[in-house]
Amino acid sequence: MAVRDIRIYGDEILTKPCREVKTITPRLKELANDMLDTMYEANGVGLAAPQVGVLRQIVVVDVGEEEDPNGPYVLVNPRILEKEGTQTADEGCLSVPGKAGTVTRPMKVKVKAFDIDMNEFVLEAEGLLARAVCHEIDHLSGVMYVDLVEGTLHDVEYEDE
């Protein structure tokens, strides 16, 4: 497992749609593990494959044990089945370091996906987990949160852990 370079806003790969995963290979399993390592190293709660330069429909999400003790999640070919309610809050992205902006997302989502062994499952997410899942799934279509920001981006500083 390794930490990969995170692509930064302005990199063309972040605007491209990702290809569906047909079969899981050892390289894709390694990619998912590397994505988790990369996300944790950067103190993020989610990461999509295009953020590390791979145009495949894979995202990883872990909002922390307090918010959701069942994580981390690896979602392959995720599809949002249902959305409910709204939440509006500041959102950031590992591909847009030092910036945040106000984004409205669903309060709850139901997502169908495959795990890293291609077993289908449904994830019902709420609150921060729903926000993170929606944010990462958007990356798979080349949509970044900066495209959805209400108002303008602002600078943020994160404390070192």
Foldseek 3Di string as FASTA:
>chain_A
DAAAQFAAPVPPLLQAAADADDAFDPVNVVLLVNQVVNCVVLVHQKDASVRRPHRAQWMWGHPDCVQPVPDTFIFGPKDWDDFAAKDWDWDDDPNHPFKIAIAIFGQWTWMWGAGSRRHIDIDIDGDPRRVRVVQRSCSNNSDHCCVGGDDHMDGDDDDDD
